Amino acid sequence: MKIITVEHEVSPEHGKCTFSGDYYGKDVCKYHALRTQTHGRKAPPEYRKPKCLLFDCWLEQPYKKCEACRKACEEGEYDKR
């Protein structure tokens, strides 16, 4: 097995996946997406639920950073400009 390290620019906002945007809105992290979460036969699907594609986890709220991303930002070299 090989481990590949990915360099990714994270949002400067503390708990959000948004960057400062232009007049029309904010730019969003490219790994933040809205997906349909299925639960099999147990429950109906949840449409347009936020998901972090980098760490493959579901998010509690839209544009909120996941725990793995927050932890990686705290441990890694995070440039606070």
Protein backbone atom coordinates (compact mmCIF):
# COMPACT_ATOMS: atom_id res chain seq x y z
CA MET A 1 0.00 0.00 0.00
CA LYS A 2 1.23 3.50 -0.84
CA ILE A 3 0.32 6.64 1.07
CA ILE A 4 -0.16 9.79 -0.98
CA THR A 5 -0.03 13.16 0.72
CA VAL A 6 -2.37 15.77 -0.72
CA GLU A 7 -1.65 19.46 -0.34
CA HIS A 8 -4.91 21.35 -0.06
CA GLU A 9 -5.62 25.00 0.63
CA VAL A 10 -7.99 25.25 3.58
CA SER A 11 -10.33 28.06 4.41
CA PRO A 12 -9.00 30.72 6.79
CA GLU A 13 -12.34 30.82 8.59
CA HIS A 14 -12.18 28.85 11.82
CA GLY A 15 -15.07 26.40 11.46
CA LYS A 16 -16.28 26.95 7.92
CA CYS A 17 -15.34 25.73 4.44
CA THR A 18 -15.87 29.13 2.80
CA PHE A 19 -13.40 31.65 1.45
CA SER A 20 -14.06 35.33 0.98
CA GLY A 21 -15.95 35.66 -2.26
CA ASP A 22 -16.99 38.23 -4.77
CA TYR A 23 -20.21 40.23 -5.08
CA TYR A 24 -22.28 37.16 -6.02
CA GLY A 25 -21.30 34.95 -3.09
CA LYS A 26 -18.54 33.07 -1.36
CA ASP A 27 -16.15 30.53 -2.80
CA VAL A 28 -16.43 27.08 -1.25
CA CYS A 29 -13.81 24.39 -0.64
CA LYS A 30 -13.63 22.11 -3.69
CA TYR A 31 -14.08 19.04 -1.47
CA HIS A 32 -17.39 20.30 -0.01
CA ALA A 33 -20.38 18.82 -1.86
CA LEU A 34 -24.09 18.18 -1.47
CA ARG A 35 -24.97 14.51 -1.88
CA THR A 36 -27.88 12.15 -1.24
CA GLN A 37 -27.35 9.96 1.80
CA THR A 38 -29.15 6.64 1.66
CA HIS A 39 -29.95 4.43 4.63
CA GLY A 40 -31.05 1.30 2.79
CA ARG A 41 -34.51 0.06 3.69
CA LYS A 42 -34.34 1.50 7.23
CA ALA A 43 -35.16 5.11 6.38
CA PRO A 44 -35.84 7.31 3.37
CA PRO A 45 -32.91 9.03 1.65
CA GLU A 46 -31.76 12.46 2.76
CA TYR A 47 -31.35 14.74 -0.24
CA ARG A 48 -28.73 17.51 -0.61
CA LYS A 49 -26.88 16.65 2.61
CA PRO A 50 -23.39 18.23 2.95
CA LYS A 51 -20.39 15.92 2.66
CA CYS A 52 -16.61 16.35 2.88
CA LEU A 53 -15.18 14.46 -0.09
CA LEU A 54 -11.58 14.77 1.12
CA PHE A 55 -12.17 12.82 4.35
CA ASP A 56 -15.35 11.04 3.13
CA CYS A 57 -17.61 12.06 6.01
CA TRP A 58 -21.05 13.60 6.35
CA LEU A 59 -21.31 17.11 7.82
CA GLU A 60 -23.76 18.36 10.44
CA GLN A 61 -24.40 21.68 8.69
CA PRO A 62 -23.61 23.13 5.26
CA TYR A 63 -20.18 24.79 4.96
CA LYS A 64 -19.03 23.49 8.36
CA LYS A 65 -15.58 21.88 8.56
CA CYS A 66 -15.45 18.23 9.58
CA GLU A 67 -13.52 17.08 12.65
CA ALA A 68 -10.75 15.50 10.56
CA CYS A 69 -10.19 18.76 8.65
CA ARG A 70 -10.14 20.82 11.86
CA LYS A 71 -7.68 18.39 13.43
CA ALA A 72 -5.45 18.44 10.33
CA CYS A 73 -5.48 22.27 10.37
CA GLU A 74 -4.44 22.37 14.02
CA GLU A 75 -1.67 19.76 13.66
CA GLY A 76 -0.29 20.89 10.30
CA GLU A 77 1.43 24.04 9.26
CA TYR A 78 -1.51 26.37 8.85
CA ASP A 79 -0.62 29.74 7.35
CA LYS A 80 -2.74 32.39 9.12
CA ARG A 81 -2.55 35.44 6.89
